[in-house]
């Protein structure tokens, strides 16, 4: 097994802790201005 295979397994089983900073974006957002509509982050 190569080193790349090992890195892929670790990434798949343990989410990056830096992703927690994106939790504040989860929800439905209304976009206005030049582009209008709704964006949903889950």
N, C-alpha and C. Protein backbone atom coordinates (compact mmCIF):
# COMPACT_ATOMS: atom_id res chain seq x y z
N UNK A 1 0.86 -1.18 0.00
CA UNK A 1 0.00 0.00 0.00
C UNK A 1 0.90 1.24 0.00
N UNK A 2 0.56 2.22 -0.80
CA UNK A 2 1.38 3.42 -0.89
C UNK A 2 1.02 4.42 0.21
N UNK A 3 1.88 5.42 0.37
CA UNK A 3 1.63 6.47 1.36
C UNK A 3 0.34 7.23 1.04
N UNK A 4 0.06 7.43 -0.25
CA UNK A 4 -1.16 8.14 -0.64
C UNK A 4 -2.41 7.39 -0.20
N UNK A 5 -2.37 6.06 -0.25
CA UNK A 5 -3.52 5.27 0.20
C UNK A 5 -3.75 5.47 1.69
N UNK A 6 -2.69 5.51 2.46
CA UNK A 6 -2.80 5.70 3.91
C UNK A 6 -3.37 7.08 4.23
N UNK A 7 -2.92 8.09 3.53
CA UNK A 7 -3.41 9.46 3.76
C UNK A 7 -4.90 9.53 3.43
N UNK A 8 -5.32 8.89 2.37
CA UNK A 8 -6.74 8.88 2.00
C UNK A 8 -7.60 8.23 3.05
N UNK A 9 -7.13 7.14 3.63
CA UNK A 9 -7.90 6.46 4.68
C UNK A 9 -8.04 7.34 5.92
N UNK A 10 -6.96 8.01 6.31
CA UNK A 10 -7.03 8.88 7.48
C UNK A 10 -7.99 10.03 7.24
N UNK A 11 -7.95 10.62 6.07
CA UNK A 11 -8.82 11.75 5.75
C UNK A 11 -10.28 11.32 5.75
N UNK A 12 -10.56 10.12 5.28
CA UNK A 12 -11.94 9.66 5.18
C UNK A 12 -12.53 9.32 6.54
N UNK A 13 -11.71 8.89 7.48
CA UNK A 13 -12.24 8.47 8.78
C UNK A 13 -12.21 9.57 9.82
N UNK A 14 -11.36 10.57 9.65
CA UNK A 14 -11.25 11.64 10.64
C UNK A 14 -11.42 12.99 9.95
N UNK A 15 -12.59 13.64 10.12
CA UNK A 15 -12.79 14.94 9.48
C UNK A 15 -11.79 15.96 10.01
N UNK A 16 -11.40 16.84 9.15
CA UNK A 16 -10.48 17.91 9.52
C UNK A 16 -11.16 18.82 10.53
N UNK A 17 -10.49 19.09 11.64
CA UNK A 17 -11.08 19.92 12.70
C UNK A 17 -11.29 21.36 12.23
N UNK A 18 -10.58 21.79 11.20
CA UNK A 18 -10.77 23.14 10.68
C UNK A 18 -12.14 23.33 10.04
N UNK A 19 -12.82 22.24 9.69
CA UNK A 19 -14.15 22.34 9.08
C UNK A 19 -15.18 22.89 10.06
N UNK A 20 -14.93 22.78 11.36
CA UNK A 20 -15.87 23.31 12.37
C UNK A 20 -16.10 24.80 12.18
N UNK A 21 -15.10 25.53 11.66
CA UNK A 21 -15.25 26.97 11.47
C UNK A 21 -16.31 27.30 10.43
N UNK A 22 -16.66 26.33 9.58
CA UNK A 22 -17.69 26.55 8.56
C UNK A 22 -19.10 26.31 9.07
N UNK A 23 -19.24 25.80 10.30
CA UNK A 23 -20.57 25.53 10.86
C UNK A 23 -21.46 26.76 10.88
N UNK A 24 -20.87 27.93 11.02
CA UNK A 24 -21.68 29.15 11.08
C UNK A 24 -22.36 29.46 9.75
N UNK A 25 -21.93 28.82 8.66
CA UNK A 25 -22.55 29.04 7.37
C UNK A 25 -23.75 28.13 7.12
N UNK A 26 -23.93 27.10 7.93
CA UNK A 26 -25.01 26.15 7.72
C UNK A 26 -26.35 26.85 7.89
N UNK A 27 -27.21 26.67 6.91
CA UNK A 27 -28.54 27.28 6.97
C UNK A 27 -28.95 27.80 5.61
N UNK A 28 -30.01 28.59 5.59
CA UNK A 28 -30.52 29.18 4.36
C UNK A 28 -30.21 30.67 4.37
N UNK A 29 -29.62 31.13 3.28
CA UNK A 29 -29.21 32.52 3.16
C UNK A 29 -29.90 33.15 1.95
N UNK A 30 -30.33 34.38 2.11
CA UNK A 30 -30.91 35.14 1.01
C UNK A 30 -29.82 36.01 0.41
N UNK A 31 -29.65 35.91 -0.92
CA UNK A 31 -28.62 36.67 -1.62
C UNK A 31 -29.30 37.83 -2.35
N UNK A 32 -28.73 39.02 -2.23
CA UNK A 32 -29.28 40.18 -2.93
C UNK A 32 -28.13 40.93 -3.59
N UNK A 33 -28.49 41.87 -4.42
CA UNK A 33 -27.46 42.63 -5.14
C UNK A 33 -27.47 42.21 -6.60
N UNK A 34 -26.28 42.03 -7.18
CA UNK A 34 -26.17 41.66 -8.59
C UNK A 34 -26.75 40.29 -8.88
N UNK A 35 -26.62 39.37 -7.95
CA UNK A 35 -27.20 38.03 -8.09
C UNK A 35 -28.17 37.83 -6.94
N UNK A 36 -29.42 37.52 -7.24
CA UNK A 36 -30.42 37.36 -6.19
C UNK A 36 -30.92 35.94 -6.14
N UNK A 37 -31.28 35.49 -4.96
CA UNK A 37 -31.81 34.16 -4.80
C UNK A 37 -31.58 33.63 -3.40
N UNK A 38 -31.59 32.34 -3.26
CA UNK A 38 -31.42 31.68 -1.97
C UNK A 38 -30.30 30.65 -2.09
N UNK A 39 -29.46 30.59 -1.07
CA UNK A 39 -28.38 29.61 -1.00
C UNK A 39 -28.58 28.79 0.26
N UNK A 40 -28.44 27.46 0.15
CA UNK A 40 -28.60 26.58 1.30
C UNK A 40 -27.31 25.80 1.49
N UNK A 41 -26.75 25.90 2.69
CA UNK A 41 -25.57 25.12 3.06
C UNK A 41 -25.99 24.09 4.10
N UNK A 42 -25.70 22.83 3.85
CA UNK A 42 -26.08 21.76 4.78
C UNK A 42 -24.87 21.14 5.40
